[in-house]
Amino acid sequence: MKNIAVSLGVMFVGVSTALTYYAFEGVLRHSIDLIWHDWLNTDLHRALVVPLTIGLSVIFFGLQHY
Protein backbone atom coordinates (compact mmCIF):
# COMPACT_ATOMS: atom_id res chain seq x y z
CA MET A 1 0.00 0.00 0.00
CA LYS A 2 2.87 2.36 0.81
CA ASN A 3 4.44 1.72 -2.62
CA ILE A 4 1.19 2.64 -4.36
CA ALA A 5 0.96 5.92 -2.44
CA VAL A 6 4.57 6.78 -3.27
CA SER A 7 4.01 5.91 -6.94
CA LEU A 8 0.89 8.08 -7.11
CA GLY A 9 2.76 10.92 -5.42
CA VAL A 10 5.61 10.65 -7.90
CA MET A 11 3.18 10.65 -10.83
CA PHE A 12 1.32 13.68 -9.41
CA VAL A 13 4.55 15.64 -8.95
CA GLY A 14 5.74 14.69 -12.42
CA VAL A 15 2.50 15.71 -14.13
CA SER A 16 2.21 18.96 -12.18
CA THR A 17 5.83 19.85 -12.99
CA ALA A 18 5.26 19.15 -16.69
CA LEU A 19 2.11 21.30 -16.70
CA THR A 20 3.94 24.12 -14.92
CA TYR A 21 6.74 24.12 -17.49
CA TYR A 22 4.23 23.96 -20.34
CA ALA A 23 2.28 26.95 -18.99
CA PHE A 24 5.47 28.91 -18.32
CA GLU A 25 6.73 28.29 -21.86
CA GLY A 26 3.42 29.48 -23.32
CA VAL A 27 3.44 32.67 -21.25
CA LEU A 28 7.07 33.31 -22.11
CA ARG A 29 6.50 32.80 -25.85
CA HIS A 30 3.54 35.21 -25.79
CA SER A 31 5.47 37.76 -23.70
CA ILE A 32 8.45 37.77 -26.05
CA ASP A 33 6.23 38.51 -29.04
CA LEU A 34 4.30 41.17 -27.13
CA ILE A 35 7.31 43.00 -25.68
CA TRP A 36 9.80 42.82 -28.54
CA HIS A 37 7.52 43.03 -31.57
CA ASP A 38 4.51 45.05 -30.39
CA TRP A 39 5.74 47.35 -27.60
CA LEU A 40 9.33 47.98 -28.68
CA ASN A 41 8.89 47.44 -32.45
CA THR A 42 12.35 45.93 -32.80
CA ASP A 43 11.73 44.98 -36.43
CA LEU A 44 11.86 48.67 -37.29
CA HIS A 45 14.52 49.71 -34.74
CA ARG A 46 17.19 47.00 -35.07
CA ALA A 47 19.92 49.18 -33.51
CA LEU A 48 18.04 49.21 -30.18
CA VAL A 49 17.99 45.44 -29.68
CA VAL A 50 21.48 45.03 -28.17
CA PRO A 51 21.29 48.05 -25.77
CA LEU A 52 17.76 47.10 -24.72
CA THR A 53 18.80 43.51 -24.08
CA ILE A 54 21.76 44.56 -21.95
CA GLY A 55 19.74 47.20 -20.10
CA LEU A 56 16.82 44.90 -19.37
CA SER A 57 19.22 42.17 -18.24
CA VAL A 58 20.89 44.54 -15.77
CA ILE A 59 17.49 45.66 -14.46
CA PHE A 60 16.33 42.05 -14.11
CA PHE A 61 19.56 41.08 -12.32
CA GLY A 62 19.23 44.05 -9.97
CA LEU A 63 15.62 43.26 -9.13
CA GLN A 64 16.48 39.62 -8.48
CA HIS A 65 19.18 40.57 -6.00
CA TYR A 66 17.27 43.41 -4.32
PDB file of N, CA and C in Angstrom:
ATOM      1  N   MET A   1       0.822  -1.198   0.000  1.00  0.00           N
ATOM      2  CA  MET A   1       0.000   0.000   0.000  1.00  0.00           C
ATOM      3  C   MET A   1       0.865   1.261   0.000  1.00  0.00           C
ATOM      4  N   LYS A   2       1.980   1.209   0.742  1.00  0.00           N
ATOM      5  CA  LYS A   2       2.866   2.362   0.806  1.00  0.00           C
ATOM      6  C   LYS A   2       3.502   2.624  -0.560  1.00  0.00           C
ATOM      7  N   ASN A   3       3.843   1.559  -1.292  1.00  0.00           N
ATOM      8  CA  ASN A   3       4.437   1.717  -2.619  1.00  0.00           C
ATOM      9  C   ASN A   3       3.465   2.359  -3.600  1.00  0.00           C
ATOM     10  N   ILE A   4       2.194   2.043  -3.479  1.00  0.00           N
ATOM     11  CA  ILE A   4       1.185   2.636  -4.362  1.00  0.00           C
ATOM     12  C   ILE A   4       1.062   4.123  -4.081  1.00  0.00           C
ATOM     13  N   ALA A   5       1.057   4.504  -2.806  1.00  0.00           N
ATOM     14  CA  ALA A   5       0.963   5.921  -2.440  1.00  0.00           C
ATOM     15  C   ALA A   5       2.182   6.699  -2.934  1.00  0.00           C
ATOM     16  N   VAL A   6       3.350   6.125  -2.792  1.00  0.00           N
ATOM     17  CA  VAL A   6       4.565   6.783  -3.269  1.00  0.00           C
ATOM     18  C   VAL A   6       4.534   6.907  -4.790  1.00  0.00           C
ATOM     19  N   SER A   7       4.097   5.869  -5.475  1.00  0.00           N
ATOM     20  CA  SER A   7       4.014   5.911  -6.938  1.00  0.00           C
ATOM     21  C   SER A   7       3.018   6.966  -7.402  1.00  0.00           C
ATOM     22  N   LEU A   8       1.873   7.057  -6.755  1.00  0.00           N
ATOM     23  CA  LEU A   8       0.886   8.082  -7.113  1.00  0.00           C
ATOM     24  C   LEU A   8       1.426   9.480  -6.825  1.00  0.00           C
ATOM     25  N   GLY A   9       2.151   9.627  -5.727  1.00  0.00           N
ATOM     26  CA  GLY A   9       2.757  10.916  -5.418  1.00  0.00           C
ATOM     27  C   GLY A   9       3.779  11.334  -6.448  1.00  0.00           C
ATOM     28  N   VAL A  10       4.597  10.370  -6.873  1.00  0.00           N
ATOM     29  CA  VAL A  10       5.606  10.654  -7.898  1.00  0.00           C
ATOM     30  C   VAL A  10       4.936  11.032  -9.210  1.00  0.00           C
ATOM     31  N   MET A  11       3.886  10.326  -9.585  1.00  0.00           N
ATOM     32  CA  MET A  11       3.177  10.653 -10.827  1.00  0.00           C
ATOM     33  C   MET A  11       2.535  12.038 -10.733  1.00  0.00           C
ATOM     34  N   PHE A  12       1.950  12.365  -9.594  1.00  0.00           N
ATOM     35  CA  PHE A  12       1.324  13.676  -9.412  1.00  0.00           C
ATOM     36  C   PHE A  12       2.355  14.791  -9.528  1.00  0.00           C
ATOM     37  N   VAL A  13       3.495  14.628  -8.873  1.00  0.00           N
ATOM     38  CA  VAL A  13       4.549  15.643  -8.947  1.00  0.00           C
ATOM     39  C   VAL A  13       5.076  15.763 -10.373  1.00  0.00           C
ATOM     40  N   GLY A  14       5.259  14.657 -11.049  1.00  0.00           N
ATOM     41  CA  GLY A  14       5.741  14.693 -12.421  1.00  0.00           C
ATOM     42  C   GLY A  14       4.780  15.402 -13.362  1.00  0.00           C
ATOM     43  N   VAL A  15       3.504  15.080 -13.258  1.00  0.00           N
ATOM     44  CA  VAL A  15       2.501  15.713 -14.126  1.00  0.00           C
ATOM     45  C   VAL A  15       2.371  17.198 -13.809  1.00  0.00           C
ATOM     46  N   SER A  16       2.346  17.543 -12.532  1.00  0.00           N
ATOM     47  CA  SER A  16       2.208  18.956 -12.182  1.00  0.00           C
ATOM     48  C   SER A  16       3.436  19.759 -12.602  1.00  0.00           C
ATOM     49  N   THR A  17       4.621  19.172 -12.521  1.00  0.00           N
ATOM     50  CA  THR A  17       5.830  19.847 -12.995  1.00  0.00           C
ATOM     51  C   THR A  17       5.785  20.045 -14.502  1.00  0.00           C
ATOM     52  N   ALA A  18       5.366  19.038 -15.233  1.00  0.00           N
ATOM     53  CA  ALA A  18       5.259  19.151 -16.690  1.00  0.00           C
ATOM     54  C   ALA A  18       4.248  20.231 -17.081  1.00  0.00           C
ATOM     55  N   LEU A  19       3.119  20.272 -16.405  1.00  0.00           N
ATOM     56  CA  LEU A  19       2.115  21.303 -16.701  1.00  0.00           C
ATOM     57  C   LEU A  19       2.617  22.699 -16.360  1.00  0.00           C
ATOM     58  N   THR A  20       3.367  22.824 -15.285  1.00  0.00           N
ATOM     59  CA  THR A  20       3.936  24.122 -14.916  1.00  0.00           C
ATOM     60  C   THR A  20       4.906  24.608 -15.978  1.00  0.00           C
ATOM     61  N   TYR A  21       5.791  23.733 -16.439  1.00  0.00           N
ATOM     62  CA  TYR A  21       6.743  24.119 -17.486  1.00  0.00           C
ATOM     63  C   TYR A  21       6.027  24.436 -18.795  1.00  0.00           C
ATOM     64  N   TYR A  22       4.993  23.707 -19.114  1.00  0.00           N
ATOM     65  CA  TYR A  22       4.230  23.961 -20.343  1.00  0.00           C
ATOM     66  C   TYR A  22       3.558  25.333 -20.279  1.00  0.00           C
ATOM     67  N   ALA A  23       2.939  25.644 -19.149  1.00  0.00           N
ATOM     68  CA  ALA A  23       2.277  26.949 -18.988  1.00  0.00           C
ATOM     69  C   ALA A  23       3.304  28.081 -19.017  1.00  0.00           C
ATOM     70  N   PHE A  24       4.432  27.889 -18.336  1.00  0.00           N
ATOM     71  CA  PHE A  24       5.475  28.910 -18.318  1.00  0.00           C
ATOM     72  C   PHE A  24       6.013  29.174 -19.716  1.00  0.00           C
ATOM     73  N   GLU A  25       6.220  28.130 -20.498  1.00  0.00           N
ATOM     74  CA  GLU A  25       6.725  28.290 -21.861  1.00  0.00           C
ATOM     75  C   GLU A  25       5.730  29.047 -22.722  1.00  0.00           C
ATOM     76  N   GLY A  26       4.440  28.771 -22.557  1.00  0.00           N
ATOM     77  CA  GLY A  26       3.423  29.483 -23.320  1.00  0.00           C
ATOM     78  C   GLY A  26       3.372  30.965 -22.971  1.00  0.00           C
ATOM     79  N   VAL A  27       3.436  31.269 -21.689  1.00  0.00           N
ATOM     80  CA  VAL A  27       3.439  32.668 -21.249  1.00  0.00           C
ATOM     81  C   VAL A  27       4.691  33.376 -21.751  1.00  0.00           C
ATOM     82  N   LEU A  28       5.824  32.715 -21.662  1.00  0.00           N
ATOM     83  CA  LEU A  28       7.075  33.308 -22.109  1.00  0.00           C
ATOM     84  C   LEU A  28       7.062  33.571 -23.613  1.00  0.00           C
ATOM     85  N   ARG A  29       6.569  32.623 -24.386  1.00  0.00           N
ATOM     86  CA  ARG A  29       6.496  32.798 -25.848  1.00  0.00           C
ATOM     87  C   ARG A  29       5.604  33.982 -26.201  1.00  0.00           C
ATOM     88  N   HIS A  30       4.461  34.097 -25.526  1.00  0.00           N
ATOM     89  CA  HIS A  30       3.545  35.208 -25.790  1.00  0.00           C
ATOM     90  C   HIS A  30       4.168  36.533 -25.350  1.00  0.00           C
ATOM     91  N   SER A  31       4.856  36.531 -24.216  1.00  0.00           N
ATOM     92  CA  SER A  31       5.469  37.758 -23.701  1.00  0.00           C
ATOM     93  C   SER A  31       6.576  38.264 -24.614  1.00  0.00           C
ATOM     94  N   ILE A  32       7.370  37.354 -25.157  1.00  0.00           N
ATOM     95  CA  ILE A  32       8.455  37.768 -26.053  1.00  0.00           C
ATOM     96  C   ILE A  32       7.878  38.457 -27.282  1.00  0.00           C
ATOM     97  N   ASP A  33       6.859  37.877 -27.872  1.00  0.00           N
ATOM     98  CA  ASP A  33       6.232  38.513 -29.037  1.00  0.00           C
ATOM     99  C   ASP A  33       5.634  39.860 -28.670  1.00  0.00           C
ATOM    100  N   LEU A  34       4.959  39.922 -27.540  1.00  0.00           N
ATOM    101  CA  LEU A  34       4.304  41.165 -27.133  1.00  0.00           C
ATOM    102  C   LEU A  34       5.322  42.261 -26.859  1.00  0.00           C
ATOM    103  N   ILE A  35       6.341  41.974 -26.072  1.00  0.00           N
ATOM    104  CA  ILE A  35       7.309  42.999 -25.682  1.00  0.00           C
ATOM    105  C   ILE A  35       8.184  43.425 -26.851  1.00  0.00           C
ATOM    106  N   TRP A  36       8.812  42.467 -27.517  1.00  0.00           N
ATOM    107  CA  TRP A  36       9.801  42.820 -28.539  1.00  0.00           C
ATOM    108  C   TRP A  36       9.171  43.293 -29.838  1.00  0.00           C
ATOM    109  N   HIS A  37       8.083  42.680 -30.255  1.00  0.00           N
ATOM    110  CA  HIS A  37       7.517  43.035 -31.566  1.00  0.00           C
ATOM    111  C   HIS A  37       6.441  44.112 -31.484  1.00  0.00           C
ATOM    112  N   ASP A  38       5.608  44.086 -30.468  1.00  0.00           N
ATOM    113  CA  ASP A  38       4.514  45.051 -30.386  1.00  0.00           C
ATOM    114  C   ASP A  38       4.910  46.317 -29.630  1.00  0.00           C
ATOM    115  N   TRP A  39       5.430  46.174 -28.412  1.00  0.00           N
ATOM    116  CA  TRP A  39       5.744  47.354 -27.596  1.00  0.00           C
ATOM    117  C   TRP A  39       6.991  48.085 -28.073  1.00  0.00           C
ATOM    118  N   LEU A  40       8.062  47.341 -28.343  1.00  0.00           N
ATOM    119  CA  LEU A  40       9.333  47.977 -28.684  1.00  0.00           C
ATOM    120  C   LEU A  40       9.575  48.088 -30.183  1.00  0.00           C
ATOM    121  N   ASN A  41       8.799  47.408 -30.994  1.00  0.00           N
ATOM    122  CA  ASN A  41       8.893  47.443 -32.452  1.00  0.00           C
ATOM    123  C   ASN A  41      10.339  47.256 -32.917  1.00  0.00           C
ATOM    124  N   THR A  42      10.950  46.169 -32.480  1.00  0.00           N
ATOM    125  CA  THR A  42      12.353  45.930 -32.796  1.00  0.00           C
ATOM    126  C   THR A  42      12.594  45.558 -34.259  1.00  0.00           C
ATOM    127  N   ASP A  43      11.548  45.218 -34.990  1.00  0.00           N
ATOM    128  CA  ASP A  43      11.735  44.977 -36.428  1.00  0.00           C
ATOM    129  C   ASP A  43      12.112  46.266 -37.146  1.00  0.00           C
ATOM    130  N   LEU A  44      11.573  47.382 -36.690  1.00  0.00           N
ATOM    131  CA  LEU A  44      11.864  48.673 -37.293  1.00  0.00           C
ATOM    132  C   LEU A  44      13.142  49.285 -36.724  1.00  0.00           C
ATOM    133  N   HIS A  45      13.379  49.091 -35.434  1.00  0.00           N
ATOM    134  CA  HIS A  45      14.520  49.710 -34.745  1.00  0.00           C
ATOM    135  C   HIS A  45      15.536  48.640 -34.351  1.00  0.00           C
ATOM    136  N   ARG A  46      16.244  48.085 -35.324  1.00  0.00           N
ATOM    137  CA  ARG A  46      17.194  46.999 -35.075  1.00  0.00           C
ATOM    138  C   ARG A  46      18.367  47.436 -34.199  1.00  0.00           C
ATOM    139  N   ALA A  47      18.765  48.701 -34.268  1.00  0.00           N
ATOM    140  CA  ALA A  47      19.919  49.179 -33.505  1.00  0.00           C
ATOM    141  C   ALA A  47      19.638  49.204 -32.001  1.00  0.00           C
ATOM    142  N   LEU A  48      18.384  49.157 -31.598  1.00  0.00           N
ATOM    143  CA  LEU A  48      18.042  49.210 -30.183  1.00  0.00           C
ATOM    144  C   LEU A  48      18.046  47.845 -29.503  1.00  0.00           C
ATOM    145  N   VAL A  49      18.131  46.783 -30.261  1.00  0.00           N
ATOM    146  CA  VAL A  49      17.994  45.442 -29.684  1.00  0.00           C
ATOM    147  C   VAL A  49      19.103  45.138 -28.686  1.00  0.00           C
ATOM    148  N   VAL A  50      20.355  45.364 -29.060  1.00  0.00           N
ATOM    149  CA  VAL A  50      21.476  45.031 -28.167  1.00  0.00           C
ATOM    150  C   VAL A  50      21.459  45.913 -26.905  1.00  0.00           C
ATOM    151  N   PRO A  51      21.345  47.246 -27.006  1.00  0.00           N
ATOM    152  CA  PRO A  51      21.293  48.051 -25.774  1.00  0.00           C
ATOM    153  C   PRO A  51      20.079  47.722 -24.892  1.00  0.00           C
ATOM    154  N   LEU A  52      18.945  47.461 -25.506  1.00  0.00           N
ATOM    155  CA  LEU A  52      17.763  47.096 -24.722  1.00  0.00           C
ATOM    156  C   LEU A  52      17.965  45.770 -24.007  1.00  0.00           C
ATOM    157  N   THR A  53      18.557  44.815 -24.686  1.00  0.00           N
ATOM    158  CA  THR A  53      18.800  43.512 -24.076  1.00  0.00           C
ATOM    159  C   THR A  53      19.742  43.643 -22.885  1.00  0.00           C
ATOM    160  N   ILE A  54      20.806  44.382 -23.050  1.00  0.00           N
ATOM    161  CA  ILE A  54      21.757  44.564 -21.951  1.00  0.00           C
ATOM    162  C   ILE A  54      21.106  45.341 -20.808  1.00  0.00           C
ATOM    163  N   GLY A  55      20.395  46.399 -21.139  1.00  0.00           N
ATOM    164  CA  GLY A  55      19.741  47.198 -20.102  1.00  0.00           C
ATOM    165  C   GLY A  55      18.689  46.424 -19.334  1.00  0.00           C
ATOM    166  N   LEU A  56      17.849  45.693 -20.043  1.00  0.00           N
ATOM    167  CA  LEU A  56      16.818  44.898 -19.369  1.00  0.00           C
ATOM    168  C   LEU A  56      17.428  43.764 -18.556  1.00  0.00           C
ATOM    169  N   SER A  57      18.540  43.218 -19.005  1.00  0.00           N
ATOM    170  CA  SER A  57      19.222  42.171 -18.241  1.00  0.00           C
ATOM    171  C   SER A  57      19.780  42.721 -16.938  1.00  0.00           C
ATOM    172  N   VAL A  58      20.363  43.909 -16.986  1.00  0.00           N
ATOM    173  CA  VAL A  58      20.891  44.537 -15.774  1.00  0.00           C
ATOM    174  C   VAL A  58      19.762  44.862 -14.802  1.00  0.00           C
ATOM    175  N   ILE A  59      18.651  45.362 -15.313  1.00  0.00           N
ATOM    176  CA  ILE A  59      17.492  45.655 -14.458  1.00  0.00           C
ATOM    177  C   ILE A  59      16.952  44.378 -13.830  1.00  0.00           C
ATOM    178  N   PHE A  60      16.824  43.325 -14.624  1.00  0.00           N
ATOM    179  CA  PHE A  60      16.333  42.050 -14.105  1.00  0.00           C
ATOM    180  C   PHE A  60      17.268  41.501 -13.034  1.00  0.00           C
ATOM    181  N   PHE A  61      18.576  41.554 -13.287  1.00  0.00           N
ATOM    182  CA  PHE A  61      19.563  41.075 -12.323  1.00  0.00           C
ATOM    183  C   PHE A  61      19.477  41.887 -11.027  1.00  0.00           C
ATOM    184  N   GLY A  62      19.346  43.203 -11.160  1.00  0.00           N
ATOM    185  CA  GLY A  62      19.232  44.053  -9.975  1.00  0.00           C
ATOM    186  C   GLY A  62      17.987  43.769  -9.168  1.00  0.00           C
ATOM    187  N   LEU A  63      16.859  43.569  -9.843  1.00  0.00           N
ATOM    188  CA  LEU A  63      15.618  43.261  -9.134  1.00  0.00           C
ATOM    189  C   LEU A  63      15.673  41.895  -8.458  1.00  0.00           C
ATOM    190  N   GLN A  64      16.356  40.956  -9.088  1.00  0.00           N
ATOM    191  CA  GLN A  64      16.480  39.623  -8.482  1.00  0.00           C
ATOM    192  C   GLN A  64      17.298  39.680  -7.206  1.00  0.00           C
ATOM    193  N   HIS A  65      18.291  40.518  -7.152  1.00  0.00           N
ATOM    194  CA  HIS A  65      19.176  40.572  -6.003  1.00  0.00           C
ATOM    195  C   HIS A  65      18.797  41.656  -4.997  1.00  0.00           C
ATOM    196  N   TYR A  66      17.723  42.367  -5.240  1.00  0.00           N
ATOM    197  CA  TYR A  66      17.266  43.409  -4.324  1.00  0.00           C
ATOM    198  C   TYR A  66      16.639  42.818  -3.093  1.00  0.00           C
TER     199      TYR A  66
END
